[in-house]
C-alpha cells in the first residue's frame, strides 16, 4: 500500500525518548551523577 519507509525516512518528534541525549550531555559535562538530587519545580 505504501513504499514510504517510516523507519528510515520519516522524521517525527521523539518526545521524552530524546531526554537520554540531554542527560548524557549533562553527565558528560560533569554536572550530574545518578545519585544527584534534583528538584522538580517550575522553570
ModelCIF file with pLDDT and N, C-alpha, C, O atoms, coordinates in Angstrom:
data_MODEL
#
_entry.id   MODEL 
#
_entity.id                         1 
_entity.type                       polymer 
_entity.pdbx_number_of_molecules   1 
#
_entity_poly.entity_id                      1 
_entity_poly.type                           'polypeptide(L)' 
_entity_poly.nstd_linkage                   no 
_entity_poly.nstd_monomer                   no 
_entity_poly.pdbx_seq_one_letter_code       
;(UNK)(UNK)(UNK)(UNK)(UNK)(UNK)(UNK)(UNK)(UNK)(UNK)(UNK)(UNK)(UNK)(UNK)(UNK)(UNK)
(UNK)(UNK)(UNK)(UNK)(UNK)(UNK)(UNK)(UNK)(UNK)(UNK)(UNK)(UNK)(UNK)(UNK)(UNK)(UNK)
(UNK)(UNK)(UNK)(UNK)(UNK)(UNK)(UNK)(UNK)(UNK)(UNK)(UNK)
;
_entity_poly.pdbx_seq_one_letter_code_can   XXXXXXXXXXXXXXXXXXXXXXXXXXXXXXXXXXXXXXXXXXX 
_entity_poly.pdbx_strand_id                 A 
#
loop_
_entity_poly_seq.entity_id 
_entity_poly_seq.num 
_entity_poly_seq.mon_id 
_entity_poly_seq.hetero 
1 1  UNK n 
1 2  UNK n 
1 3  UNK n 
1 4  UNK n 
1 5  UNK n 
1 6  UNK n 
1 7  UNK n 
1 8  UNK n 
1 9  UNK n 
1 10 UNK n 
1 11 UNK n 
1 12 UNK n 
1 13 UNK n 
1 14 UNK n 
1 15 UNK n 
1 16 UNK n 
1 17 UNK n 
1 18 UNK n 
1 19 UNK n 
1 20 UNK n 
1 21 UNK n 
1 22 UNK n 
1 23 UNK n 
1 24 UNK n 
1 25 UNK n 
1 26 UNK n 
1 27 UNK n 
1 28 UNK n 
1 29 UNK n 
1 30 UNK n 
1 31 UNK n 
1 32 UNK n 
1 33 UNK n 
1 34 UNK n 
1 35 UNK n 
1 36 UNK n 
1 37 UNK n 
1 38 UNK n 
1 39 UNK n 
1 40 UNK n 
1 41 UNK n 
1 42 UNK n 
1 43 UNK n 
#
_struct_asym.id          A 
_struct_asym.entity_id   1 
#
loop_
_ma_qa_metric.id 
_ma_qa_metric.mode 
_ma_qa_metric.name 
_ma_qa_metric.software_group_id 
_ma_qa_metric.type 
1 global pLDDT . pLDDT 
2 local  pLDDT . pLDDT 
#
_ma_qa_metric_global.metric_id      1 
_ma_qa_metric_global.metric_value   95.14 
_ma_qa_metric_global.model_id       1 
_ma_qa_metric_global.ordinal_id     1 
#
loop_
_ma_qa_metric_local.label_asym_id 
_ma_qa_metric_local.label_comp_id 
_ma_qa_metric_local.label_seq_id 
_ma_qa_metric_local.metric_id 
_ma_qa_metric_local.metric_value 
_ma_qa_metric_local.model_id 
_ma_qa_metric_local.ordinal_id 
A UNK 1  2 78.00 1 1  
A UNK 2  2 83.00 1 2  
A UNK 3  2 83.00 1 3  
A UNK 4  2 91.00 1 4  
A UNK 5  2 95.00 1 5  
A UNK 6  2 96.00 1 6  
A UNK 7  2 97.00 1 7  
A UNK 8  2 97.00 1 8  
A UNK 9  2 94.00 1 9  
A UNK 10 2 95.00 1 10 
A UNK 11 2 96.00 1 11 
A UNK 12 2 97.00 1 12 
A UNK 13 2 97.00 1 13 
A UNK 14 2 97.00 1 14 
A UNK 15 2 95.00 1 15 
A UNK 16 2 96.00 1 16 
A UNK 17 2 97.00 1 17 
A UNK 18 2 97.00 1 18 
A UNK 19 2 97.00 1 19 
A UNK 20 2 98.00 1 20 
A UNK 21 2 98.00 1 21 
A UNK 22 2 98.00 1 22 
A UNK 23 2 98.00 1 23 
A UNK 24 2 98.00 1 24 
A UNK 25 2 98.00 1 25 
A UNK 26 2 97.00 1 26 
A UNK 27 2 98.00 1 27 
A UNK 28 2 97.00 1 28 
A UNK 29 2 96.00 1 29 
A UNK 30 2 96.00 1 30 
A UNK 31 2 96.00 1 31 
A UNK 32 2 97.00 1 32 
A UNK 33 2 96.00 1 33 
A UNK 34 2 96.00 1 34 
A UNK 35 2 95.00 1 35 
A UNK 36 2 96.00 1 36 
A UNK 37 2 97.00 1 37 
A UNK 38 2 97.00 1 38 
A UNK 39 2 96.00 1 39 
A UNK 40 2 94.00 1 40 
A UNK 41 2 94.00 1 41 
A UNK 42 2 93.00 1 42 
A UNK 43 2 94.00 1 43 
#
loop_
_atom_site.group_PDB 
_atom_site.id 
_atom_site.type_symbol 
_atom_site.label_atom_id 
_atom_site.label_alt_id 
_atom_site.label_comp_id 
_atom_site.label_asym_id 
_atom_site.label_entity_id 
_atom_site.label_seq_id 
_atom_site.pdbx_PDB_ins_code 
_atom_site.Cartn_x 
_atom_site.Cartn_y 
_atom_site.Cartn_z 
_atom_site.occupancy 
_atom_site.B_iso_or_equiv 
_atom_site.pdbx_formal_charge 
_atom_site.auth_seq_id 
_atom_site.auth_comp_id 
_atom_site.auth_asym_id 
_atom_site.auth_atom_id 
_atom_site.pdbx_PDB_model_num 
ATOM 1   N N  . UNK A 1 1  ? 0.815  -1.213 0.000  1.00 78.00 ? 1  UNK A N  1 
ATOM 2   C CA . UNK A 1 1  ? 0.000  0.000  0.000  1.00 78.00 ? 1  UNK A CA 1 
ATOM 3   C C  . UNK A 1 1  ? 0.847  1.259  0.000  1.00 78.00 ? 1  UNK A C  1 
ATOM 4   O O  . UNK A 1 1  ? 0.441  2.275  -0.565 1.00 78.00 ? 1  UNK A O  1 
ATOM 5   N N  . UNK A 1 2  ? 2.016  1.211  0.623  1.00 83.00 ? 2  UNK A N  1 
ATOM 6   C CA . UNK A 1 2  ? 2.881  2.391  0.700  1.00 83.00 ? 2  UNK A CA 1 
ATOM 7   C C  . UNK A 1 2  ? 4.325  1.957  0.853  1.00 83.00 ? 2  UNK A C  1 
ATOM 8   O O  . UNK A 1 2  ? 4.677  1.264  1.808  1.00 83.00 ? 2  UNK A O  1 
ATOM 9   N N  . UNK A 1 3  ? 5.168  2.371  -0.100 1.00 83.00 ? 3  UNK A N  1 
ATOM 10  C CA . UNK A 1 3  ? 6.582  2.029  -0.042 1.00 83.00 ? 3  UNK A CA 1 
ATOM 11  C C  . UNK A 1 3  ? 7.396  3.038  0.760  1.00 83.00 ? 3  UNK A C  1 
ATOM 12  O O  . UNK A 1 3  ? 8.612  2.891  0.887  1.00 83.00 ? 3  UNK A O  1 
ATOM 13  N N  . UNK A 1 4  ? 6.739  4.059  1.300  1.00 91.00 ? 4  UNK A N  1 
ATOM 14  C CA . UNK A 1 4  ? 7.447  5.051  2.101  1.00 91.00 ? 4  UNK A CA 1 
ATOM 15  C C  . UNK A 1 4  ? 7.960  4.390  3.379  1.00 91.00 ? 4  UNK A C  1 
ATOM 16  O O  . UNK A 1 4  ? 7.193  3.787  4.130  1.00 91.00 ? 4  UNK A O  1 
ATOM 17  N N  . UNK A 1 5  ? 9.260  4.512  3.615  1.00 95.00 ? 5  UNK A N  1 
ATOM 18  C CA . UNK A 1 5  ? 9.880  3.830  4.753  1.00 95.00 ? 5  UNK A CA 1 
ATOM 19  C C  . UNK A 1 5  ? 9.855  4.740  5.977  1.00 95.00 ? 5  UNK A C  1 
ATOM 20  O O  . UNK A 1 5  ? 10.689 5.635  6.118  1.00 95.00 ? 5  UNK A O  1 
ATOM 21  N N  . UNK A 1 6  ? 8.896  4.500  6.849  1.00 96.00 ? 6  UNK A N  1 
ATOM 22  C CA . UNK A 1 6  ? 8.749  5.334  8.040  1.00 96.00 ? 6  UNK A CA 1 
ATOM 23  C C  . UNK A 1 6  ? 9.853  5.093  9.063  1.00 96.00 ? 6  UNK A C  1 
ATOM 24  O O  . UNK A 1 6  ? 10.036 5.896  9.978  1.00 96.00 ? 6  UNK A O  1 
ATOM 25  N N  . UNK A 1 7  ? 10.582 4.004  8.918  1.00 97.00 ? 7  UNK A N  1 
ATOM 26  C CA . UNK A 1 7  ? 11.660 3.707  9.862  1.00 97.00 ? 7  UNK A CA 1 
ATOM 27  C C  . UNK A 1 7  ? 12.941 4.456  9.525  1.00 97.00 ? 7  UNK A C  1 
ATOM 28  O O  . UNK A 1 7  ? 13.739 4.743  10.417 1.00 97.00 ? 7  UNK A O  1 
ATOM 29  N N  . UNK A 1 8  ? 13.150 4.777  8.250  1.00 97.00 ? 8  UNK A N  1 
ATOM 30  C CA . UNK A 1 8  ? 14.412 5.393  7.846  1.00 97.00 ? 8  UNK A CA 1 
ATOM 31  C C  . UNK A 1 8  ? 14.253 6.786  7.262  1.00 97.00 ? 8  UNK A C  1 
ATOM 32  O O  . UNK A 1 8  ? 15.209 7.563  7.258  1.00 97.00 ? 8  UNK A O  1 
ATOM 33  N N  . UNK A 1 9  ? 13.061 7.120  6.766  1.00 94.00 ? 9  UNK A N  1 
ATOM 34  C CA . UNK A 1 9  ? 12.884 8.403  6.084  1.00 94.00 ? 9  UNK A CA 1 
ATOM 35  C C  . UNK A 1 9  ? 11.974 9.378  6.820  1.00 94.00 ? 9  UNK A C  1 
ATOM 36  O O  . UNK A 1 9  ? 12.119 10.590 6.660  1.00 94.00 ? 9  UNK A O  1 
ATOM 37  N N  . UNK A 1 10 ? 11.054 8.884  7.610  1.00 95.00 ? 10 UNK A N  1 
ATOM 38  C CA . UNK A 1 10 ? 10.096 9.755  8.289  1.00 95.00 ? 10 UNK A CA 1 
ATOM 39  C C  . UNK A 1 10 ? 10.733 10.412 9.514  1.00 95.00 ? 10 UNK A C  1 
ATOM 40  O O  . UNK A 1 10 ? 11.332 9.735  10.350 1.00 95.00 ? 10 UNK A O  1 
ATOM 41  N N  . UNK A 1 11 ? 10.600 11.719 9.608  1.00 96.00 ? 11 UNK A N  1 
ATOM 42  C CA . UNK A 1 11 ? 11.125 12.462 10.752 1.00 96.00 ? 11 UNK A CA 1 
ATOM 43  C C  . UNK A 1 11 ? 9.968  12.853 11.665 1.00 96.00 ? 11 UNK A C  1 
ATOM 44  O O  . UNK A 1 11 ? 9.058  13.579 11.264 1.00 96.00 ? 11 UNK A O  1 
ATOM 45  N N  . UNK A 1 12 ? 10.021 12.359 12.898 1.00 97.00 ? 12 UNK A N  1 
ATOM 46  C CA . UNK A 1 12 ? 8.953  12.601 13.862 1.00 97.00 ? 12 UNK A CA 1 
ATOM 47  C C  . UNK A 1 12 ? 9.546  13.077 15.184 1.00 97.00 ? 12 UNK A C  1 
ATOM 48  O O  . UNK A 1 12 ? 10.703 12.802 15.501 1.00 97.00 ? 12 UNK A O  1 
ATOM 49  N N  . UNK A 1 13 ? 8.726  13.796 15.943 1.00 97.00 ? 13 UNK A N  1 
ATOM 50  C CA . UNK A 1 13 ? 9.196  14.262 17.246 1.00 97.00 ? 13 UNK A CA 1 
ATOM 51  C C  . UNK A 1 13 ? 9.334  13.087 18.206 1.00 97.00 ? 13 UNK A C  1 
ATOM 52  O O  . UNK A 1 13 ? 8.436  12.248 18.283 1.00 97.00 ? 13 UNK A O  1 
ATOM 53  N N  . UNK A 1 14 ? 10.450 13.010 18.945 1.00 97.00 ? 14 UNK A N  1 
ATOM 54  C CA . UNK A 1 14 ? 10.681 11.861 19.829 1.00 97.00 ? 14 UNK A CA 1 
ATOM 55  C C  . UNK A 1 14 ? 10.075 11.995 21.211 1.00 97.00 ? 14 UNK A C  1 
ATOM 56  O O  . UNK A 1 14 ? 10.010 11.014 21.951 1.00 97.00 ? 14 UNK A O  1 
ATOM 57  N N  . UNK A 1 15 ? 9.627  13.189 21.576 1.00 95.00 ? 15 UNK A N  1 
ATOM 58  C CA . UNK A 1 15 ? 9.111  13.369 22.927 1.00 95.00 ? 15 UNK A CA 1 
ATOM 59  C C  . UNK A 1 15 ? 10.178 13.051 23.961 1.00 95.00 ? 15 UNK A C  1 
ATOM 60  O O  . UNK A 1 15 ? 11.350 13.385 23.784 1.00 95.00 ? 15 UNK A O  1 
ATOM 61  N N  . UNK A 1 16 ? 9.761  12.400 25.043 1.00 96.00 ? 16 UNK A N  1 
ATOM 62  C CA . UNK A 1 16 ? 10.687 12.133 26.146 1.00 96.00 ? 16 UNK A CA 1 
ATOM 63  C C  . UNK A 1 16 ? 11.770 11.113 25.801 1.00 96.00 ? 16 UNK A C  1 
ATOM 64  O O  . UNK A 1 16 ? 12.738 10.976 26.549 1.00 96.00 ? 16 UNK A O  1 
ATOM 65  N N  . UNK A 1 17 ? 11.631 10.399 24.691 1.00 97.00 ? 17 UNK A N  1 
ATOM 66  C CA . UNK A 1 17 ? 12.697 9.478  24.302 1.00 97.00 ? 17 UNK A CA 1 
ATOM 67  C C  . UNK A 1 17 ? 13.949 10.227 23.857 1.00 97.00 ? 17 UNK A C  1 
ATOM 68  O O  . UNK A 1 17 ? 14.987 9.613  23.610 1.00 97.00 ? 17 UNK A O  1 
ATOM 69  N N  . UNK A 1 18 ? 13.854 11.561 23.754 1.00 97.00 ? 18 UNK A N  1 
ATOM 70  C CA . UNK A 1 18 ? 15.022 12.386 23.459 1.00 97.00 ? 18 UNK A CA 1 
ATOM 71  C C  . UNK A 1 18 ? 15.822 12.715 24.727 1.00 97.00 ? 18 UNK A C  1 
ATOM 72  O O  . UNK A 1 18 ? 16.993 13.084 24.646 1.00 97.00 ? 18 UNK A O  1 
ATOM 73  N N  . UNK A 1 19 ? 15.193 12.581 25.881 1.00 97.00 ? 19 UNK A N  1 
ATOM 74  C CA . UNK A 1 19 ? 15.828 13.014 27.129 1.00 97.00 ? 19 UNK A CA 1 
ATOM 75  C C  . UNK A 1 19 ? 17.161 12.330 27.434 1.00 97.00 ? 19 UNK A C  1 
ATOM 76  O O  . UNK A 1 19 ? 18.040 12.972 28.008 1.00 97.00 ? 19 UNK A O  1 
ATOM 77  N N  . UNK A 1 20 ? 17.354 11.044 27.074 1.00 98.00 ? 20 UNK A N  1 
ATOM 78  C CA . UNK A 1 20 ? 18.667 10.450 27.343 1.00 98.00 ? 20 UNK A CA 1 
ATOM 79  C C  . UNK A 1 20 ? 19.832 11.199 26.712 1.00 98.00 ? 20 UNK A C  1 
ATOM 80  O O  . UNK A 1 20 ? 20.933 11.183 27.263 1.00 98.00 ? 20 UNK A O  1 
ATOM 81  N N  . UNK A 1 21 ? 19.624 11.855 25.573 1.00 98.00 ? 21 UNK A N  1 
ATOM 82  C CA . UNK A 1 21 ? 20.699 12.653 24.978 1.00 98.00 ? 21 UNK A CA 1 
ATOM 83  C C  . UNK A 1 21 ? 20.997 13.873 25.853 1.00 98.00 ? 21 UNK A C  1 
ATOM 84  O O  . UNK A 1 21 ? 22.148 14.291 25.983 1.00 98.00 ? 21 UNK A O  1 
ATOM 85  N N  . UNK A 1 22 ? 19.950 14.431 26.446 1.00 98.00 ? 22 UNK A N  1 
ATOM 86  C CA . UNK A 1 22 ? 20.132 15.576 27.344 1.00 98.00 ? 22 UNK A CA 1 
ATOM 87  C C  . UNK A 1 22 ? 20.890 15.136 28.596 1.00 98.00 ? 22 UNK A C  1 
ATOM 88  O O  . UNK A 1 22 ? 21.840 15.791 29.026 1.00 98.00 ? 22 UNK A O  1 
ATOM 89  N N  . UNK A 1 23 ? 20.460 14.034 29.160 1.00 98.00 ? 23 UNK A N  1 
ATOM 90  C CA . UNK A 1 23 ? 21.126 13.525 30.366 1.00 98.00 ? 23 UNK A CA 1 
ATOM 91  C C  . UNK A 1 23 ? 22.580 13.174 30.062 1.00 98.00 ? 23 UNK A C  1 
ATOM 92  O O  . UNK A 1 23 ? 23.468 13.447 30.869 1.00 98.00 ? 23 UNK A O  1 
ATOM 93  N N  . UNK A 1 24 ? 22.823 12.567 28.893 1.00 98.00 ? 24 UNK A N  1 
ATOM 94  C CA . UNK A 1 24 ? 24.198 12.197 28.535 1.00 98.00 ? 24 UNK A CA 1 
ATOM 95  C C  . UNK A 1 24 ? 25.079 13.433 28.400 1.00 98.00 ? 24 UNK A C  1 
ATOM 96  O O  . UNK A 1 24 ? 26.239 13.422 28.811 1.00 98.00 ? 24 UNK A O  1 
ATOM 97  N N  . UNK A 1 25 ? 24.525 14.504 27.823 1.00 98.00 ? 25 UNK A N  1 
ATOM 98  C CA . UNK A 1 25 ? 25.298 15.742 27.699 1.00 98.00 ? 25 UNK A CA 1 
ATOM 99  C C  . UNK A 1 25 ? 25.602 16.331 29.073 1.00 98.00 ? 25 UNK A C  1 
ATOM 100 O O  . UNK A 1 25 ? 26.709 16.810 29.315 1.00 98.00 ? 25 UNK A O  1 
ATOM 101 N N  . UNK A 1 26 ? 24.614 16.295 29.975 1.00 97.00 ? 26 UNK A N  1 
ATOM 102 C CA . UNK A 1 26 ? 24.806 16.848 31.314 1.00 97.00 ? 26 UNK A CA 1 
ATOM 103 C C  . UNK A 1 26 ? 25.814 16.028 32.119 1.00 97.00 ? 26 UNK A C  1 
ATOM 104 O O  . UNK A 1 26 ? 26.652 16.589 32.826 1.00 97.00 ? 26 UNK A O  1 
ATOM 105 N N  . UNK A 1 27 ? 25.732 14.700 32.008 1.00 98.00 ? 27 UNK A N  1 
ATOM 106 C CA . UNK A 1 27 ? 26.695 13.858 32.712 1.00 98.00 ? 27 UNK A CA 1 
ATOM 107 C C  . UNK A 1 27 ? 28.095 14.022 32.126 1.00 98.00 ? 27 UNK A C  1 
ATOM 108 O O  . UNK A 1 27 ? 29.082 14.004 32.860 1.00 98.00 ? 27 UNK A O  1 
ATOM 109 N N  . UNK A 1 28 ? 28.183 14.184 30.785 1.00 97.00 ? 28 UNK A N  1 
ATOM 110 C CA . UNK A 1 28 ? 29.491 14.374 30.146 1.00 97.00 ? 28 UNK A CA 1 
ATOM 111 C C  . UNK A 1 28 ? 30.136 15.682 30.580 1.00 97.00 ? 28 UNK A C  1 
ATOM 112 O O  . UNK A 1 28 ? 31.362 15.800 30.599 1.00 97.00 ? 28 UNK A O  1 
ATOM 113 N N  . UNK A 1 29 ? 29.300 16.675 30.933 1.00 96.00 ? 29 UNK A N  1 
ATOM 114 C CA . UNK A 1 29 ? 29.831 17.956 31.407 1.00 96.00 ? 29 UNK A CA 1 
ATOM 115 C C  . UNK A 1 29 ? 30.281 17.882 32.862 1.00 96.00 ? 29 UNK A C  1 
ATOM 116 O O  . UNK A 1 29 ? 30.817 18.857 33.390 1.00 96.00 ? 29 UNK A O  1 
ATOM 117 N N  . UNK A 1 30 ? 30.072 16.733 33.523 1.00 96.00 ? 30 UNK A N  1 
ATOM 118 C CA . UNK A 1 30 ? 30.496 16.551 34.905 1.00 96.00 ? 30 UNK A CA 1 
ATOM 119 C C  . UNK A 1 30 ? 29.606 17.233 35.919 1.00 96.00 ? 30 UNK A C  1 
ATOM 120 O O  . UNK A 1 30 ? 30.025 17.470 37.052 1.00 96.00 ? 30 UNK A O  1 
ATOM 121 N N  . UNK A 1 31 ? 28.369 17.555 35.523 1.00 96.00 ? 31 UNK A N  1 
ATOM 122 C CA . UNK A 1 31 ? 27.484 18.318 36.410 1.00 96.00 ? 31 UNK A CA 1 
ATOM 123 C C  . UNK A 1 31 ? 26.554 17.439 37.233 1.00 96.00 ? 31 UNK A C  1 
ATOM 124 O O  . UNK A 1 31 ? 26.016 17.889 38.245 1.00 96.00 ? 31 UNK A O  1 
ATOM 125 N N  . UNK A 1 32 ? 26.355 16.184 36.814 1.00 97.00 ? 32 UNK A N  1 
ATOM 126 C CA . UNK A 1 32 ? 25.381 15.329 37.488 1.00 97.00 ? 32 UNK A CA 1 
ATOM 127 C C  . UNK A 1 32 ? 25.930 13.908 37.596 1.00 97.00 ? 32 UNK A C  1 
ATOM 128 O O  . UNK A 1 32 ? 26.843 13.506 36.875 1.00 97.00 ? 32 UNK A O  1 
ATOM 129 N N  . UNK A 1 33 ? 25.334 13.172 38.524 1.00 96.00 ? 33 UNK A N  1 
ATOM 130 C CA . UNK A 1 33 ? 25.525 11.744 38.672 1.00 96.00 ? 33 UNK A CA 1 
ATOM 131 C C  . UNK A 1 33 ? 24.155 11.116 38.895 1.00 96.00 ? 33 UNK A C  1 
ATOM 132 O O  . UNK A 1 33 ? 23.199 11.834 39.190 1.00 96.00 ? 33 UNK A O  1 
ATOM 133 N N  . UNK A 1 34 ? 24.033 9.814  38.764 1.00 96.00 ? 34 UNK A N  1 
ATOM 134 C CA . UNK A 1 34 ? 22.716 9.192  39.003 1.00 96.00 ? 34 UNK A CA 1 
ATOM 135 C C  . UNK A 1 34 ? 22.149 9.489  40.385 1.00 96.00 ? 34 UNK A C  1 
ATOM 136 O O  . UNK A 1 34 ? 20.931 9.543  40.560 1.00 96.00 ? 34 UNK A O  1 
ATOM 137 N N  . UNK A 1 35 ? 23.021 9.682  41.362 1.00 95.00 ? 35 UNK A N  1 
ATOM 138 C CA . UNK A 1 35 ? 22.549 9.930  42.726 1.00 95.00 ? 35 UNK A CA 1 
ATOM 139 C C  . UNK A 1 35 ? 22.296 11.397 43.029 1.00 95.00 ? 35 UNK A C  1 
ATOM 140 O O  . UNK A 1 35 ? 21.818 11.729 44.114 1.00 95.00 ? 35 UNK A O  1 
ATOM 141 N N  . UNK A 1 36 ? 22.610 12.285 42.086 1.00 96.00 ? 36 UNK A N  1 
ATOM 142 C CA . UNK A 1 36 ? 22.407 13.712 42.314 1.00 96.00 ? 36 UNK A CA 1 
ATOM 143 C C  . UNK A 1 36 ? 20.938 14.010 42.602 1.00 96.00 ? 36 UNK A C  1 
ATOM 144 O O  . UNK A 1 36 ? 20.052 13.525 41.900 1.00 96.00 ? 36 UNK A O  1 
ATOM 145 N N  . UNK A 1 37 ? 20.686 14.806 43.633 1.00 97.00 ? 37 UNK A N  1 
ATOM 146 C CA . UNK A 1 37 ? 19.317 15.193 43.979 1.00 97.00 ? 37 UNK A CA 1 
ATOM 147 C C  . UNK A 1 37 ? 18.914 16.393 43.130 1.00 97.00 ? 37 UNK A C  1 
ATOM 148 O O  . UNK A 1 37 ? 19.587 17.424 43.135 1.00 97.00 ? 37 UNK A O  1 
ATOM 149 N N  . UNK A 1 38 ? 17.825 16.251 42.412 1.00 97.00 ? 38 UNK A N  1 
ATOM 150 C CA . UNK A 1 38 ? 17.294 17.338 41.592 1.00 97.00 ? 38 UNK A CA 1 
ATOM 151 C C  . UNK A 1 38 ? 15.881 17.642 42.067 1.00 97.00 ? 38 UNK A C  1 
ATOM 152 O O  . UNK A 1 38 ? 15.234 16.818 42.713 1.00 97.00 ? 38 UNK A O  1 
ATOM 153 N N  . UNK A 1 39 ? 15.421 18.828 41.737 1.00 96.00 ? 39 UNK A N  1 
ATOM 154 C CA . UNK A 1 39 ? 14.103 19.251 42.219 1.00 96.00 ? 39 UNK A CA 1 
ATOM 155 C C  . UNK A 1 39 ? 13.182 19.549 41.048 1.00 96.00 ? 39 UNK A C  1 
ATOM 156 O O  . UNK A 1 39 ? 13.479 20.390 40.200 1.00 96.00 ? 39 UNK A O  1 
ATOM 157 N N  . UNK A 1 40 ? 12.089 18.863 41.019 1.00 94.00 ? 40 UNK A N  1 
ATOM 158 C CA . UNK A 1 40 ? 11.048 19.118 40.025 1.00 94.00 ? 40 UNK A CA 1 
ATOM 159 C C  . UNK A 1 40 ? 10.273 20.351 40.472 1.00 94.00 ? 40 UNK A C  1 
ATOM 160 O O  . UNK A 1 40 ? 9.496  20.293 41.425 1.00 94.00 ? 40 UNK A O  1 
ATOM 161 N N  . UNK A 1 41 ? 10.483 21.439 39.793 1.00 94.00 ? 41 UNK A N  1 
ATOM 162 C CA . UNK A 1 41 ? 9.895  22.727 40.166 1.00 94.00 ? 41 UNK A CA 1 
ATOM 163 C C  . UNK A 1 41 ? 9.600  23.523 38.898 1.00 94.00 ? 41 UNK A C  1 
ATOM 164 O O  . UNK A 1 41 ? 10.085 23.176 37.820 1.00 94.00 ? 41 UNK A O  1 
ATOM 165 N N  . UNK A 1 42 ? 8.803  24.594 39.020 1.00 93.00 ? 42 UNK A N  1 
ATOM 166 C CA . UNK A 1 42 ? 8.537  25.424 37.843 1.00 93.00 ? 42 UNK A CA 1 
ATOM 167 C C  . UNK A 1 42 ? 9.824  26.037 37.301 1.00 93.00 ? 42 UNK A C  1 
ATOM 168 O O  . UNK A 1 42 ? 10.662 26.514 38.067 1.00 93.00 ? 42 UNK A O  1 
ATOM 169 N N  . UNK A 1 43 ? 9.973  26.023 35.997 1.00 94.00 ? 43 UNK A N  1 
ATOM 170 C CA . UNK A 1 43 ? 11.109 26.651 35.338 1.00 94.00 ? 43 UNK A CA 1 
ATOM 171 C C  . UNK A 1 43 ? 10.604 27.239 34.031 1.00 94.00 ? 43 UNK A C  1 
ATOM 172 O O  . UNK A 1 43 ? 11.379 27.831 33.280 1.00 94.00 ? 43 UNK A O  1 
#
